[in-house]
Amino acid sequence: MTALLVATIACIAANGFIAVADYLKAGFVLQNSSEVHVPERALPYLATLKLAGAIGLVAGLAVLHGSVSPRPSGW
């Protein structure tokens, strides 16, 4: 379980970092996206998806560790 937790936290950090880099249009992001013919106008949308992935991983950890109930109270 510890290895899974470490891997999940690493994925959260990586997704968060690259999402911020996409939003800021960092030089390496612009270079990589132009090499694979991704238009610059698509970067904010891609960044939002990456950030949503990071948020989903955080939510999954919260449910897994019992911080948040997966069902509404009263069920």
N, C-alpha and C. Protein backbone atom coordinates (compact mmCIF):
# COMPACT_ATOMS: atom_id res chain seq x y z
N MET A 1 0.82 -1.20 0.00
CA MET A 1 0.00 0.00 0.00
C MET A 1 0.86 1.26 0.00
N THR A 2 2.01 1.20 0.62
CA THR A 2 2.87 2.37 0.68
C THR A 2 3.39 2.76 -0.70
N ALA A 3 3.76 1.77 -1.52
CA ALA A 3 4.25 2.06 -2.87
C ALA A 3 3.15 2.70 -3.71
N LEU A 4 1.93 2.22 -3.55
CA LEU A 4 0.80 2.79 -4.28
C LEU A 4 0.56 4.24 -3.85
N LEU A 5 0.66 4.49 -2.57
CA LEU A 5 0.48 5.85 -2.07
C LEU A 5 1.55 6.78 -2.62
N VAL A 6 2.79 6.34 -2.61
CA VAL A 6 3.90 7.16 -3.12
C VAL A 6 3.71 7.41 -4.62
N ALA A 7 3.33 6.39 -5.38
CA ALA A 7 3.11 6.56 -6.81
C ALA A 7 1.96 7.51 -7.09
N THR A 8 0.90 7.42 -6.30
CA THR A 8 -0.25 8.31 -6.49
C THR A 8 0.12 9.75 -6.18
N ILE A 9 0.86 9.96 -5.12
CA ILE A 9 1.29 11.31 -4.77
C ILE A 9 2.22 11.88 -5.84
N ALA A 10 3.10 11.03 -6.38
CA ALA A 10 3.97 11.48 -7.47
C ALA A 10 3.16 11.87 -8.70
N CYS A 11 2.13 11.11 -9.00
CA CYS A 11 1.26 11.44 -10.15
C CYS A 11 0.50 12.74 -9.91
N ILE A 12 0.04 12.95 -8.69
CA ILE A 12 -0.65 14.20 -8.37
C ILE A 12 0.29 15.38 -8.58
N ALA A 13 1.52 15.26 -8.09
CA ALA A 13 2.49 16.34 -8.24
C ALA A 13 2.83 16.58 -9.71
N ALA A 14 3.03 15.51 -10.46
CA ALA A 14 3.39 15.65 -11.88
C ALA A 14 2.25 16.28 -12.67
N ASN A 15 1.02 15.82 -12.45
CA ASN A 15 -0.13 16.39 -13.15
C ASN A 15 -0.33 17.85 -12.78
N GLY A 16 -0.19 18.16 -11.50
CA GLY A 16 -0.33 19.55 -11.06
C GLY A 16 0.74 20.45 -11.67
N PHE A 17 1.97 19.97 -11.68
CA PHE A 17 3.08 20.76 -12.24
C PHE A 17 2.87 21.04 -13.72
N ILE A 18 2.55 20.00 -14.48
CA ILE A 18 2.42 20.19 -15.92
C ILE A 18 1.18 21.00 -16.26
N ALA A 19 0.13 20.90 -15.44
CA ALA A 19 -1.06 21.73 -15.67
C ALA A 19 -0.72 23.21 -15.50
N VAL A 20 0.02 23.53 -14.45
CA VAL A 20 0.44 24.92 -14.23
C VAL A 20 1.34 25.39 -15.36
N ALA A 21 2.26 24.53 -15.79
CA ALA A 21 3.15 24.88 -16.90
C ALA A 21 2.35 25.13 -18.18
N ASP A 22 1.32 24.34 -18.40
CA ASP A 22 0.46 24.55 -19.57
C ASP A 22 -0.28 25.88 -19.48
N TYR A 23 -0.83 26.17 -18.30
CA TYR A 23 -1.55 27.44 -18.13
C TYR A 23 -0.62 28.63 -18.34
N LEU A 24 0.62 28.52 -17.87
CA LEU A 24 1.58 29.63 -17.99
C LEU A 24 2.26 29.66 -19.36
N LYS A 25 2.01 28.65 -20.17
CA LYS A 25 2.62 28.51 -21.50
C LYS A 25 4.14 28.59 -21.40
N ALA A 26 4.69 27.72 -20.56
CA ALA A 26 6.14 27.64 -20.36
C ALA A 26 6.81 27.30 -21.68
N GLY A 27 8.06 27.69 -21.80
CA GLY A 27 8.80 27.49 -23.03
C GLY A 27 8.85 26.05 -23.49
N PHE A 28 9.13 25.14 -22.56
CA PHE A 28 9.21 23.72 -22.94
C PHE A 28 7.86 23.18 -23.38
N VAL A 29 6.78 23.72 -22.83
CA VAL A 29 5.44 23.29 -23.23
C VAL A 29 5.15 23.75 -24.66
N LEU A 30 5.48 25.00 -24.95
CA LEU A 30 5.25 25.52 -26.30
C LEU A 30 6.09 24.77 -27.33
N GLN A 31 7.33 24.46 -26.96
CA GLN A 31 8.22 23.74 -27.89
C GLN A 31 7.68 22.33 -28.16
N ASN A 32 7.32 21.62 -27.08
CA ASN A 32 6.81 20.26 -27.26
C ASN A 32 5.51 20.24 -28.03
N SER A 33 4.62 21.17 -27.72
CA SER A 33 3.32 21.17 -28.39
C SER A 33 3.46 21.53 -29.87
N SER A 34 4.40 22.40 -30.20
CA SER A 34 4.58 22.72 -31.62
C SER A 34 5.20 21.54 -32.38
N GLU A 35 6.04 20.75 -31.71
CA GLU A 35 6.64 19.59 -32.36
C GLU A 35 5.61 18.53 -32.73
N VAL A 36 4.54 18.45 -31.94
CA VAL A 36 3.50 17.45 -32.22
C VAL A 36 2.24 18.09 -32.81
N HIS A 37 2.37 19.34 -33.25
CA HIS A 37 1.30 20.06 -33.96
C HIS A 37 0.05 20.26 -33.12
N VAL A 38 0.23 20.58 -31.84
CA VAL A 38 -0.89 20.95 -30.98
C VAL A 38 -0.97 22.47 -30.98
N PRO A 39 -2.10 23.04 -31.37
CA PRO A 39 -2.20 24.51 -31.40
C PRO A 39 -2.13 25.10 -30.00
N GLU A 40 -1.52 26.26 -29.91
CA GLU A 40 -1.36 26.93 -28.61
C GLU A 40 -2.70 27.21 -27.95
N ARG A 41 -3.72 27.44 -28.73
CA ARG A 41 -5.05 27.73 -28.16
C ARG A 41 -5.64 26.53 -27.43
N ALA A 42 -5.11 25.33 -27.67
CA ALA A 42 -5.61 24.12 -27.01
C ALA A 42 -5.00 23.91 -25.63
N LEU A 43 -3.92 24.61 -25.32
CA LEU A 43 -3.22 24.37 -24.06
C LEU A 43 -4.07 24.57 -22.81
N PRO A 44 -4.86 25.64 -22.72
CA PRO A 44 -5.69 25.78 -21.51
C PRO A 44 -6.68 24.63 -21.31
N TYR A 45 -7.21 24.11 -22.39
CA TYR A 45 -8.14 22.98 -22.28
C TYR A 45 -7.43 21.72 -21.80
N LEU A 46 -6.25 21.49 -22.36
CA LEU A 46 -5.46 20.34 -21.93
C LEU A 46 -5.02 20.49 -20.47
N ALA A 47 -4.66 21.70 -20.09
CA ALA A 47 -4.25 21.96 -18.70
C ALA A 47 -5.41 21.68 -17.74
N THR A 48 -6.60 22.05 -18.13
CA THR A 48 -7.78 21.81 -17.29
C THR A 48 -8.01 20.32 -17.11
N LEU A 49 -7.83 19.54 -18.17
CA LEU A 49 -7.99 18.10 -18.06
C LEU A 49 -6.92 17.49 -17.15
N LYS A 50 -5.70 17.97 -17.25
CA LYS A 50 -4.62 17.47 -16.40
C LYS A 50 -4.89 17.82 -14.93
N LEU A 51 -5.37 19.03 -14.70
CA LEU A 51 -5.69 19.45 -13.34
C LEU A 51 -6.86 18.63 -12.79
N ALA A 52 -7.83 18.34 -13.63
CA ALA A 52 -8.95 17.50 -13.20
C ALA A 52 -8.46 16.11 -12.81
N GLY A 53 -7.48 15.60 -13.54
CA GLY A 53 -6.90 14.31 -13.18
C GLY A 53 -6.24 14.34 -11.82
N ALA A 54 -5.50 15.41 -11.54
CA ALA A 54 -4.86 15.55 -10.23
C ALA A 54 -5.90 15.64 -9.12
N ILE A 55 -6.95 16.40 -9.36
CA ILE A 55 -8.02 16.53 -8.36
C ILE A 55 -8.71 15.19 -8.14
N GLY A 56 -8.92 14.44 -9.20
CA GLY A 56 -9.52 13.12 -9.08
C GLY A 56 -8.66 12.17 -8.25
N LEU A 57 -7.36 12.24 -8.43
CA LEU A 57 -6.46 11.41 -7.63
C LEU A 57 -6.51 11.80 -6.15
N VAL A 58 -6.56 13.11 -5.89
CA VAL A 58 -6.66 13.57 -4.50
C VAL A 58 -7.97 13.09 -3.88
N ALA A 59 -9.06 13.19 -4.64
CA ALA A 59 -10.36 12.72 -4.14
C ALA A 59 -10.32 11.22 -3.87
N GLY A 60 -9.68 10.47 -4.76
CA GLY A 60 -9.56 9.04 -4.55
C GLY A 60 -8.78 8.70 -3.31
N LEU A 61 -7.72 9.43 -3.05
CA LEU A 61 -6.95 9.21 -1.82
C LEU A 61 -7.78 9.53 -0.59
N ALA A 62 -8.55 10.61 -0.67
CA ALA A 62 -9.37 11.00 0.48
C ALA A 62 -10.40 9.92 0.80
N VAL A 63 -11.01 9.34 -0.21
CA VAL A 63 -11.99 8.27 0.01
C VAL A 63 -11.30 7.01 0.51
N LEU A 64 -10.16 6.69 -0.10
CA LEU A 64 -9.43 5.49 0.26
C LEU A 64 -8.98 5.51 1.73
N HIS A 65 -8.56 6.67 2.18
CA HIS A 65 -8.06 6.77 3.55
C HIS A 65 -9.14 7.17 4.55
N GLY A 66 -10.38 7.19 4.12
CA GLY A 66 -11.49 7.41 5.03
C GLY A 66 -11.74 8.85 5.43
N SER A 67 -11.05 9.79 4.80
CA SER A 67 -11.28 11.20 5.13
C SER A 67 -12.63 11.68 4.64
N VAL A 68 -13.10 11.07 3.56
CA VAL A 68 -14.36 11.46 2.94
C VAL A 68 -15.16 10.19 2.68
N SER A 69 -16.43 10.23 2.98
CA SER A 69 -17.29 9.08 2.71
C SER A 69 -17.69 9.08 1.24
N PRO A 70 -17.65 7.94 0.56
CA PRO A 70 -18.04 7.92 -0.84
C PRO A 70 -19.54 8.10 -1.03
N ARG A 71 -20.33 7.95 0.02
CA ARG A 71 -21.79 8.11 -0.06
C ARG A 71 -22.22 9.28 0.80
N PRO A 72 -23.27 9.97 0.38
CA PRO A 72 -23.80 11.05 1.23
C PRO A 72 -24.30 10.51 2.57
N SER A 73 -24.25 11.33 3.59
CA SER A 73 -24.74 10.88 4.90
C SER A 73 -26.23 10.60 4.81
N GLY A 74 -26.67 9.64 5.58
CA GLY A 74 -28.07 9.26 5.58
C GLY A 74 -28.36 8.07 4.69
N TRP A 75 -27.36 7.57 3.99
CA TRP A 75 -27.56 6.39 3.14
C TRP A 75 -27.42 5.15 3.95
